[in-house]
Each structure stands twice: as C-alpha cells, then as structure tokens.
Amino acid sequence: MALMLAGRVVEVKDGKAIVDVDGRLKEARLDFIKDIKPGDYVKIYYGIVLEKVSREEAKETLARCSYHRSSKLELTFTVSNRRF
C-alpha cells in the first residue's frame, strides 16, 4: 500500500523541501516541481513532491490517511507458523 501525504512547505534547499505533515517534518525531493516556496502546500508520494495543492486539498488528503499519525507502526509476519 502506498501512502500519499500532504503538508505545508517549511524550507526549500538543494532540490529538496522540508514539509510539515501534521506536525512532523518530512524531507521530499523536488524532481518534478521547481516553483515551490515556503508556505506552499504540496502532496508527497514516496518522498517526492508531486504537485502543489490548496490548503483544503492538503487537509483532505491527510484526512484519508490515518496511520501516518501513529507514532508506532507495528508490523507482523509469519514464517513457518512463527509470528514475529
């Protein structure tokens, strides 16, 4: 499952943006979008800024993604009937 995040750009430098995603700072590359500046709202997919969006659209995107807010991500898998 892929996760699309959205947030407000805090800083831009060296081809990367630091984005505030619901209180957490994420670094995202600016490979496809060049006219990003602090204060803009963007969508991030796998660490790459895909598009500039409105504040409302950024909030809607975050509302659809619930597990990014969890401070703990629990992963389990089974190998030969043993749970890890």
PDB file of N, CA and C in Angstrom:
ATOM      1  N   MET A   1       0.842  -1.179   0.000  1.00  0.00           N
ATOM      2  CA  MET A   1       0.000   0.000   0.000  1.00  0.00           C
ATOM      3  C   MET A   1       0.883   1.236   0.000  1.00  0.00           C
ATOM      4  N   ALA A   2       0.599   2.149  -0.860  1.00  0.00           N
ATOM      5  CA  ALA A   2       1.337   3.405  -0.929  1.00  0.00           C
ATOM      6  C   ALA A   2       0.576   4.476  -0.168  1.00  0.00           C
ATOM      7  N   LEU A   3       1.313   5.447   0.307  1.00  0.00           N
ATOM      8  CA  LEU A   3       0.696   6.483   1.109  1.00  0.00           C
ATOM      9  C   LEU A   3       1.006   7.854   0.523  1.00  0.00           C
ATOM     10  N   MET A   4      -0.036   8.590   0.192  1.00  0.00           N
ATOM     11  CA  MET A   4       0.109   9.958  -0.270  1.00  0.00           C
ATOM     12  C   MET A   4      -0.028  10.856   0.943  1.00  0.00           C
ATOM     13  N   LEU A   5       0.964  11.694   1.182  1.00  0.00           N
ATOM     14  CA  LEU A   5       0.929  12.651   2.275  1.00  0.00           C
ATOM     15  C   LEU A   5       0.793  14.052   1.716  1.00  0.00           C
ATOM     16  N   ALA A   6       0.425  14.978   2.556  1.00  0.00           N
ATOM     17  CA  ALA A   6       0.333  16.375   2.141  1.00  0.00           C
ATOM     18  C   ALA A   6       0.691  17.247   3.329  1.00  0.00           C
ATOM     19  N   GLY A   7       1.221  18.423   3.037  1.00  0.00           N
ATOM     20  CA  GLY A   7       1.573  19.333   4.110  1.00  0.00           C
ATOM     21  C   GLY A   7       2.059  20.663   3.599  1.00  0.00           C
ATOM     22  N   ARG A   8       2.527  21.500   4.538  1.00  0.00           N
ATOM     23  CA  ARG A   8       2.994  22.854   4.222  1.00  0.00           C
ATOM     24  C   ARG A   8       4.517  22.862   4.169  1.00  0.00           C
ATOM     25  N   VAL A   9       5.057  23.460   3.125  1.00  0.00           N
ATOM     26  CA  VAL A   9       6.499  23.560   2.945  1.00  0.00           C
ATOM     27  C   VAL A   9       7.063  24.555   3.957  1.00  0.00           C
ATOM     28  N   VAL A  10       8.073  24.114   4.690  1.00  0.00           N
ATOM     29  CA  VAL A  10       8.721  24.944   5.701  1.00  0.00           C
ATOM     30  C   VAL A  10      10.010  25.550   5.153  1.00  0.00           C
ATOM     31  N   GLU A  11      10.732  24.762   4.353  1.00  0.00           N
ATOM     32  CA  GLU A  11      12.031  25.195   3.841  1.00  0.00           C
ATOM     33  C   GLU A  11      12.303  24.522   2.505  1.00  0.00           C
ATOM     34  N   VAL A  12      13.024  25.212   1.633  1.00  0.00           N
ATOM     35  CA  VAL A  12      13.437  24.659   0.350  1.00  0.00           C
ATOM     36  C   VAL A  12      14.928  24.902   0.190  1.00  0.00           C
ATOM     37  N   LYS A  13      15.675  23.812  -0.083  1.00  0.00           N
ATOM     38  CA  LYS A  13      17.108  23.966  -0.344  1.00  0.00           C
ATOM     39  C   LYS A  13      17.655  22.717  -1.015  1.00  0.00           C
ATOM     40  N   ASP A  14      18.624  22.923  -1.867  1.00  0.00           N
ATOM     41  CA  ASP A  14      19.331  21.825  -2.543  1.00  0.00           C
ATOM     42  C   ASP A  14      18.396  20.837  -3.227  1.00  0.00           C
ATOM     43  N   GLY A  15      17.362  21.331  -3.888  1.00  0.00           N
ATOM     44  CA  GLY A  15      16.450  20.454  -4.615  1.00  0.00           C
ATOM     45  C   GLY A  15      15.527  19.630  -3.742  1.00  0.00           C
ATOM     46  N   LYS A  16      15.410  20.022  -2.470  1.00  0.00           N
ATOM     47  CA  LYS A  16      14.537  19.296  -1.542  1.00  0.00           C
ATOM     48  C   LYS A  16      13.681  20.275  -0.763  1.00  0.00           C
ATOM     49  N   ALA A  17      12.545  19.786  -0.309  1.00  0.00           N
ATOM     50  CA  ALA A  17      11.644  20.585   0.526  1.00  0.00           C
ATOM     51  C   ALA A  17      11.499  19.899   1.870  1.00  0.00           C
ATOM     52  N   ILE A  18      11.473  20.691   2.921  1.00  0.00           N
ATOM     53  CA  ILE A  18      11.129  20.195   4.245  1.00  0.00           C
ATOM     54  C   ILE A  18       9.653  20.543   4.424  1.00  0.00           C
ATOM     55  N   VAL A  19       8.833  19.517   4.634  1.00  0.00           N
ATOM     56  CA  VAL A  19       7.381  19.680   4.659  1.00  0.00           C
ATOM     57  C   VAL A  19       6.832  19.288   6.026  1.00  0.00           C
ATOM     58  N   ASP A  20       6.016  20.162   6.587  1.00  0.00           N
ATOM     59  CA  ASP A  20       5.326  19.894   7.848  1.00  0.00           C
ATOM     60  C   ASP A  20       4.074  19.087   7.520  1.00  0.00           C
ATOM     61  N   VAL A  21       4.108  17.810   7.875  1.00  0.00           N
ATOM     62  CA  VAL A  21       2.981  16.913   7.641  1.00  0.00           C
ATOM     63  C   VAL A  21       2.329  16.636   8.992  1.00  0.00           C
ATOM     64  N   ASP A  22       1.331  17.416   9.299  1.00  0.00           N
ATOM     65  CA  ASP A  22       0.566  17.247  10.537  1.00  0.00           C
ATOM     66  C   ASP A  22       1.480  17.249  11.768  1.00  0.00           C
ATOM     67  N   GLY A  23       2.427  18.184  11.785  1.00  0.00           N
ATOM     68  CA  GLY A  23       3.316  18.328  12.932  1.00  0.00           C
ATOM     69  C   GLY A  23       4.622  17.564  12.852  1.00  0.00           C
ATOM     70  N   ARG A  24       4.801  16.772  11.833  1.00  0.00           N
ATOM     71  CA  ARG A  24       6.047  16.023  11.639  1.00  0.00           C
ATOM     72  C   ARG A  24       6.737  16.525  10.387  1.00  0.00           C
ATOM     73  N   LEU A  25       8.046  16.725  10.480  1.00  0.00           N
ATOM     74  CA  LEU A  25       8.800  17.211   9.333  1.00  0.00           C
ATOM     75  C   LEU A  25       9.248  16.045   8.466  1.00  0.00           C
ATOM     76  N   LYS A  26       8.981  16.170   7.176  1.00  0.00           N
ATOM     77  CA  LYS A  26       9.367  15.159   6.196  1.00  0.00           C
ATOM     78  C   LYS A  26      10.190  15.841   5.111  1.00  0.00           C
ATOM     79  N   GLU A  27      11.203  15.155   4.629  1.00  0.00           N
ATOM     80  CA  GLU A  27      12.004  15.679   3.524  1.00  0.00           C
ATOM     81  C   GLU A  27      11.486  15.070   2.232  1.00  0.00           C
ATOM     82  N   ALA A  28      11.343  15.900   1.195  1.00  0.00           N
ATOM     83  CA  ALA A  28      10.833  15.419  -0.082  1.00  0.00           C
ATOM     84  C   ALA A  28      11.609  16.069  -1.220  1.00  0.00           C
ATOM     85  N   ARG A  29      11.930  15.272  -2.209  1.00  0.00           N
ATOM     86  CA  ARG A  29      12.681  15.768  -3.369  1.00  0.00           C
ATOM     87  C   ARG A  29      11.772  16.579  -4.293  1.00  0.00           C
ATOM     88  N   LEU A  30      12.390  17.539  -4.963  1.00  0.00           N
ATOM     89  CA  LEU A  30      11.662  18.404  -5.897  1.00  0.00           C
ATOM     90  C   LEU A  30      12.055  18.086  -7.337  1.00  0.00           C
ATOM     91  N   ASP A  31      11.981  16.829  -7.715  1.00  0.00           N
ATOM     92  CA  ASP A  31      12.377  16.402  -9.060  1.00  0.00           C
ATOM     93  C   ASP A  31      11.427  16.891 -10.147  1.00  0.00           C
ATOM     94  N   PHE A  32      10.139  16.981  -9.843  1.00  0.00           N
ATOM     95  CA  PHE A  32       9.141  17.299 -10.868  1.00  0.00           C
ATOM     96  C   PHE A  32       8.562  18.702 -10.751  1.00  0.00           C
ATOM     97  N   ILE A  33       8.642  19.305  -9.594  1.00  0.00           N
ATOM     98  CA  ILE A  33       8.070  20.626  -9.355  1.00  0.00           C
ATOM     99  C   ILE A  33       9.196  21.556  -8.909  1.00  0.00           C
ATOM    100  N   LYS A  34       9.385  22.645  -9.604  1.00  0.00           N
ATOM    101  CA  LYS A  34      10.501  23.542  -9.301  1.00  0.00           C
ATOM    102  C   LYS A  34      10.069  24.850  -8.648  1.00  0.00           C
ATOM    103  N   ASP A  35       8.823  25.254  -8.771  1.00  0.00           N
ATOM    104  CA  ASP A  35       8.389  26.570  -8.285  1.00  0.00           C
ATOM    105  C   ASP A  35       7.775  26.494  -6.885  1.00  0.00           C
ATOM    106  N   ILE A  36       8.350  25.683  -6.016  1.00  0.00           N
ATOM    107  CA  ILE A  36       7.858  25.531  -4.653  1.00  0.00           C
ATOM    108  C   ILE A  36       8.609  26.488  -3.729  1.00  0.00           C
ATOM    109  N   LYS A  37       7.859  27.101  -2.815  1.00  0.00           N
ATOM    110  CA  LYS A  37       8.473  28.022  -1.846  1.00  0.00           C
ATOM    111  C   LYS A  37       7.847  27.782  -0.475  1.00  0.00           C
ATOM    112  N   PRO A  38       8.522  28.225   0.594  1.00  0.00           N
ATOM    113  CA  PRO A  38       7.942  28.067   1.933  1.00  0.00           C
ATOM    114  C   PRO A  38       6.539  28.675   2.005  1.00  0.00           C
ATOM    115  N   GLY A  39       5.635  27.940   2.657  1.00  0.00           N
ATOM    116  CA  GLY A  39       4.244  28.365   2.765  1.00  0.00           C
ATOM    117  C   GLY A  39       3.323  27.656   1.794  1.00  0.00           C
ATOM    118  N   ASP A  40       3.881  27.087   0.719  1.00  0.00           N
ATOM    119  CA  ASP A  40       3.066  26.333  -0.239  1.00  0.00           C
ATOM    120  C   ASP A  40       2.624  25.015   0.383  1.00  0.00           C
ATOM    121  N   TYR A  41       1.493  24.504  -0.074  1.00  0.00           N
ATOM    122  CA  TYR A  41       1.012  23.183   0.321  1.00  0.00           C
ATOM    123  C   TYR A  41       1.263  22.238  -0.836  1.00  0.00           C
ATOM    124  N   VAL A  42       1.748  21.032  -0.509  1.00  0.00           N
ATOM    125  CA  VAL A  42       2.124  20.071  -1.542  1.00  0.00           C
ATOM    126  C   VAL A  42       1.660  18.674  -1.170  1.00  0.00           C
ATOM    127  N   LYS A  43       1.576  17.812  -2.192  1.00  0.00           N
ATOM    128  CA  LYS A  43       1.340  16.387  -1.989  1.00  0.00           C
ATOM    129  C   LYS A  43       2.668  15.676  -2.207  1.00  0.00           C
ATOM    130  N   ILE A  44       2.937  14.694  -1.325  1.00  0.00           N
ATOM    131  CA  ILE A  44       4.181  13.929  -1.367  1.00  0.00           C
ATOM    132  C   ILE A  44       3.840  12.453  -1.562  1.00  0.00           C
ATOM    133  N   TYR A  45       4.572  11.810  -2.442  1.00  0.00           N
ATOM    134  CA  TYR A  45       4.394  10.383  -2.686  1.00  0.00           C
ATOM    135  C   TYR A  45       5.772   9.743  -2.735  1.00  0.00           C
ATOM    136  N   TYR A  46       6.040   8.815  -1.819  1.00  0.00           N
ATOM    137  CA  TYR A  46       7.343   8.149  -1.729  1.00  0.00           C
ATOM    138  C   TYR A  46       8.496   9.139  -1.698  1.00  0.00           C
ATOM    139  N   GLY A  47       8.351  10.221  -0.932  1.00  0.00           N
ATOM    140  CA  GLY A  47       9.435  11.176  -0.739  1.00  0.00           C
ATOM    141  C   GLY A  47       9.682  12.126  -1.888  1.00  0.00           C
ATOM    142  N   ILE A  48       8.724  12.240  -2.797  1.00  0.00           N
ATOM    143  CA  ILE A  48       8.847  13.152  -3.939  1.00  0.00           C
ATOM    144  C   ILE A  48       7.615  14.051  -3.976  1.00  0.00           C
ATOM    145  N   VAL A  49       7.834  15.358  -4.106  1.00  0.00           N
ATOM    146  CA  VAL A  49       6.709  16.286  -4.243  1.00  0.00           C
ATOM    147  C   VAL A  49       6.120  16.104  -5.636  1.00  0.00           C
ATOM    148  N   LEU A  50       4.829  15.785  -5.684  1.00  0.00           N
ATOM    149  CA  LEU A  50       4.159  15.567  -6.964  1.00  0.00           C
ATOM    150  C   LEU A  50       3.415  16.786  -7.472  1.00  0.00           C
ATOM    151  N   GLU A  51       2.815  17.550  -6.549  1.00  0.00           N
ATOM    152  CA  GLU A  51       2.067  18.709  -7.004  1.00  0.00           C
ATOM    153  C   GLU A  51       1.837  19.699  -5.872  1.00  0.00           C
ATOM    154  N   LYS A  52       1.617  20.937  -6.267  1.00  0.00           N
ATOM    155  CA  LYS A  52       1.224  21.982  -5.333  1.00  0.00           C
ATOM    156  C   LYS A  52      -0.292  21.943  -5.239  1.00  0.00           C
ATOM    157  N   VAL A  53      -0.833  22.069  -4.004  1.00  0.00           N
ATOM    158  CA  VAL A  53      -2.277  21.987  -3.790  1.00  0.00           C
ATOM    159  C   VAL A  53      -2.721  23.109  -2.861  1.00  0.00           C
ATOM    160  N   SER A  54      -4.028  23.262  -2.741  1.00  0.00           N
ATOM    161  CA  SER A  54      -4.570  24.239  -1.805  1.00  0.00           C
ATOM    162  C   SER A  54      -4.490  23.673  -0.390  1.00  0.00           C
ATOM    163  N   ARG A  55      -4.634  24.545   0.596  1.00  0.00           N
ATOM    164  CA  ARG A  55      -4.623  24.113   1.995  1.00  0.00           C
ATOM    165  C   ARG A  55      -5.750  23.118   2.254  1.00  0.00           C
ATOM    166  N   GLU A  56      -6.920  23.369   1.678  1.00  0.00           N
ATOM    167  CA  GLU A  56      -8.069  22.487   1.872  1.00  0.00           C
ATOM    168  C   GLU A  56      -7.803  21.103   1.285  1.00  0.00           C
ATOM    169  N   GLU A  57      -7.208  21.050   0.102  1.00  0.00           N
ATOM    170  CA  GLU A  57      -6.916  19.758  -0.520  1.00  0.00           C
ATOM    171  C   GLU A  57      -5.862  18.998   0.284  1.00  0.00           C
ATOM    172  N   ALA A  58      -4.898  19.715   0.843  1.00  0.00           N
ATOM    173  CA  ALA A  58      -3.891  19.067   1.693  1.00  0.00           C
ATOM    174  C   ALA A  58      -4.556  18.446   2.924  1.00  0.00           C
ATOM    175  N   LYS A  59      -5.481  19.177   3.543  1.00  0.00           N
ATOM    176  CA  LYS A  59      -6.189  18.647   4.719  1.00  0.00           C
ATOM    177  C   LYS A  59      -7.027  17.428   4.353  1.00  0.00           C
ATOM    178  N   GLU A  60      -7.685  17.449   3.199  1.00  0.00           N
ATOM    179  CA  GLU A  60      -8.491  16.310   2.759  1.00  0.00           C
ATOM    180  C   GLU A  60      -7.616  15.082   2.533  1.00  0.00           C
ATOM    181  N   THR A  61      -6.440  15.294   1.956  1.00  0.00           N
ATOM    182  CA  THR A  61      -5.526  14.179   1.714  1.00  0.00           C
ATOM    183  C   THR A  61      -5.095  13.554   3.032  1.00  0.00           C
ATOM    184  N   LEU A  62      -4.752  14.370   4.018  1.00  0.00           N
ATOM    185  CA  LEU A  62      -4.352  13.847   5.324  1.00  0.00           C
ATOM    186  C   LEU A  62      -5.496  13.141   6.036  1.00  0.00           C
ATOM    187  N   ALA A  63      -6.712  13.633   5.852  1.00  0.00           N
ATOM    188  CA  ALA A  63      -7.869  13.013   6.498  1.00  0.00           C
ATOM    189  C   ALA A  63      -8.087  11.592   5.984  1.00  0.00           C
ATOM    190  N   ARG A  64      -7.741  11.342   4.733  1.00  0.00           N
ATOM    191  CA  ARG A  64      -7.895  10.000   4.159  1.00  0.00           C
ATOM    192  C   ARG A  64      -6.795   9.048   4.624  1.00  0.00           C
ATOM    193  N   CYS A  65      -5.696   9.591   5.148  1.00  0.00           N
ATOM    194  CA  CYS A  65      -4.566   8.779   5.603  1.00  0.00           C
ATOM    195  C   CYS A  65      -4.546   8.806   7.119  1.00  0.00           C
ATOM    196  N   SER A  66      -4.853   7.698   7.747  1.00  0.00           N
ATOM    197  CA  SER A  66      -4.938   7.713   9.202  1.00  0.00           C
ATOM    198  C   SER A  66      -3.681   7.209   9.891  1.00  0.00           C
ATOM    199  N   TYR A  67      -2.955   6.245   9.325  1.00  0.00           N
ATOM    200  CA  TYR A  67      -1.871   5.666  10.105  1.00  0.00           C
ATOM    201  C   TYR A  67      -0.622   6.524  10.142  1.00  0.00           C
ATOM    202  N   HIS A  68      -0.520   7.582   9.339  1.00  0.00           N
ATOM    203  CA  HIS A  68       0.663   8.443   9.428  1.00  0.00           C
ATOM    204  C   HIS A  68       0.730   9.158  10.770  1.00  0.00           C
ATOM    205  N   ARG A  69      -0.392   9.244  11.482  1.00  0.00           N
ATOM    206  CA  ARG A  69      -0.423   9.927  12.774  1.00  0.00           C
ATOM    207  C   ARG A  69       0.092   9.051  13.913  1.00  0.00           C
ATOM    208  N   SER A  70       0.175   7.769  13.671  1.00  0.00           N
ATOM    209  CA  SER A  70       0.626   6.859  14.723  1.00  0.00           C
ATOM    210  C   SER A  70       2.123   7.004  14.938  1.00  0.00           C
ATOM    211  N   SER A  71       2.537   7.106  16.193  1.00  0.00           N
ATOM    212  CA  SER A  71       3.960   7.205  16.480  1.00  0.00           C
ATOM    213  C   SER A  71       4.618   5.832  16.423  1.00  0.00           C
ATOM    214  N   LYS A  72       3.811   4.780  16.419  1.00  0.00           N
ATOM    215  CA  LYS A  72       4.345   3.425  16.385  1.00  0.00           C
ATOM    216  C   LYS A  72       3.663   2.670  15.256  1.00  0.00           C
ATOM    217  N   LEU A  73       4.441   2.115  14.366  1.00  0.00           N
ATOM    218  CA  LEU A  73       3.907   1.306  13.285  1.00  0.00           C
ATOM    219  C   LEU A  73       4.280  -0.140  13.585  1.00  0.00           C
ATOM    220  N   GLU A  74       3.296  -0.972  13.775  1.00  0.00           N
ATOM    221  CA  GLU A  74       3.541  -2.359  14.143  1.00  0.00           C
ATOM    222  C   GLU A  74       3.409  -3.238  12.917  1.00  0.00           C
ATOM    223  N   LEU A  75       4.459  -3.984  12.637  1.00  0.00           N
ATOM    224  CA  LEU A  75       4.456  -4.910  11.515  1.00  0.00           C
ATOM    225  C   LEU A  75       4.599  -6.323  12.058  1.00  0.00           C
ATOM    226  N   THR A  76       3.783  -7.228  11.574  1.00  0.00           N
ATOM    227  CA  THR A  76       3.917  -8.629  11.957  1.00  0.00           C
ATOM    228  C   THR A  76       3.927  -9.474  10.695  1.00  0.00           C
ATOM    229  N   PHE A  77       4.626 -10.583  10.759  1.00  0.00           N
ATOM    230  CA  PHE A  77       4.614 -11.517   9.653  1.00  0.00           C
ATOM    231  C   PHE A  77       4.828 -12.918  10.211  1.00  0.00           C
ATOM    232  N   THR A  78       4.480 -13.915   9.431  1.00  0.00           N
ATOM    233  CA  THR A  78       4.568 -15.289   9.876  1.00  0.00           C
ATOM    234  C   THR A  78       5.498 -16.063   8.949  1.00  0.00           C
ATOM    235  N   VAL A  79       6.430 -16.802   9.540  1.00  0.00           N
ATOM    236  CA  VAL A  79       7.325 -17.666   8.798  1.00  0.00           C
ATOM    237  C   VAL A  79       7.310 -19.024   9.505  1.00  0.00           C
ATOM    238  N   SER A  80       6.962 -20.055   8.781  1.00  0.00           N
ATOM    239  CA  SER A  80       6.914 -21.411   9.351  1.00  0.00           C
ATOM    240  C   SER A  80       6.098 -21.466  10.636  1.00  0.00           C
ATOM    241  N   ASN A  81       4.927 -20.873  10.601  1.00  0.00           N
ATOM    242  CA  ASN A  81       3.990 -20.871  11.743  1.00  0.00           C
ATOM    243  C   ASN A  81       4.514 -20.143  12.972  1.00  0.00           C
ATOM    244  N   ARG A  82       5.516 -19.309  12.839  1.00  0.00           N
ATOM    245  CA  ARG A  82       6.019 -18.496  13.959  1.00  0.00           C
ATOM    246  C   ARG A  82       5.688 -17.049  13.669  1.00  0.00           C
ATOM    247  N   ARG A  83       5.143 -16.397  14.652  1.00  0.00           N
ATOM    248  CA  ARG A  83       4.765 -14.992  14.489  1.00  0.00           C
ATOM    249  C   ARG A  83       5.879 -14.112  15.041  1.00  0.00           C
ATOM    250  N   PHE A  84       6.291 -13.125  14.263  1.00  0.00           N
ATOM    251  CA  PHE A  84       7.366 -12.213  14.652  1.00  0.00           C
ATOM    252  C   PHE A  84       6.807 -10.830  14.892  1.00  0.00           C
TER     253      PHE A  84
END
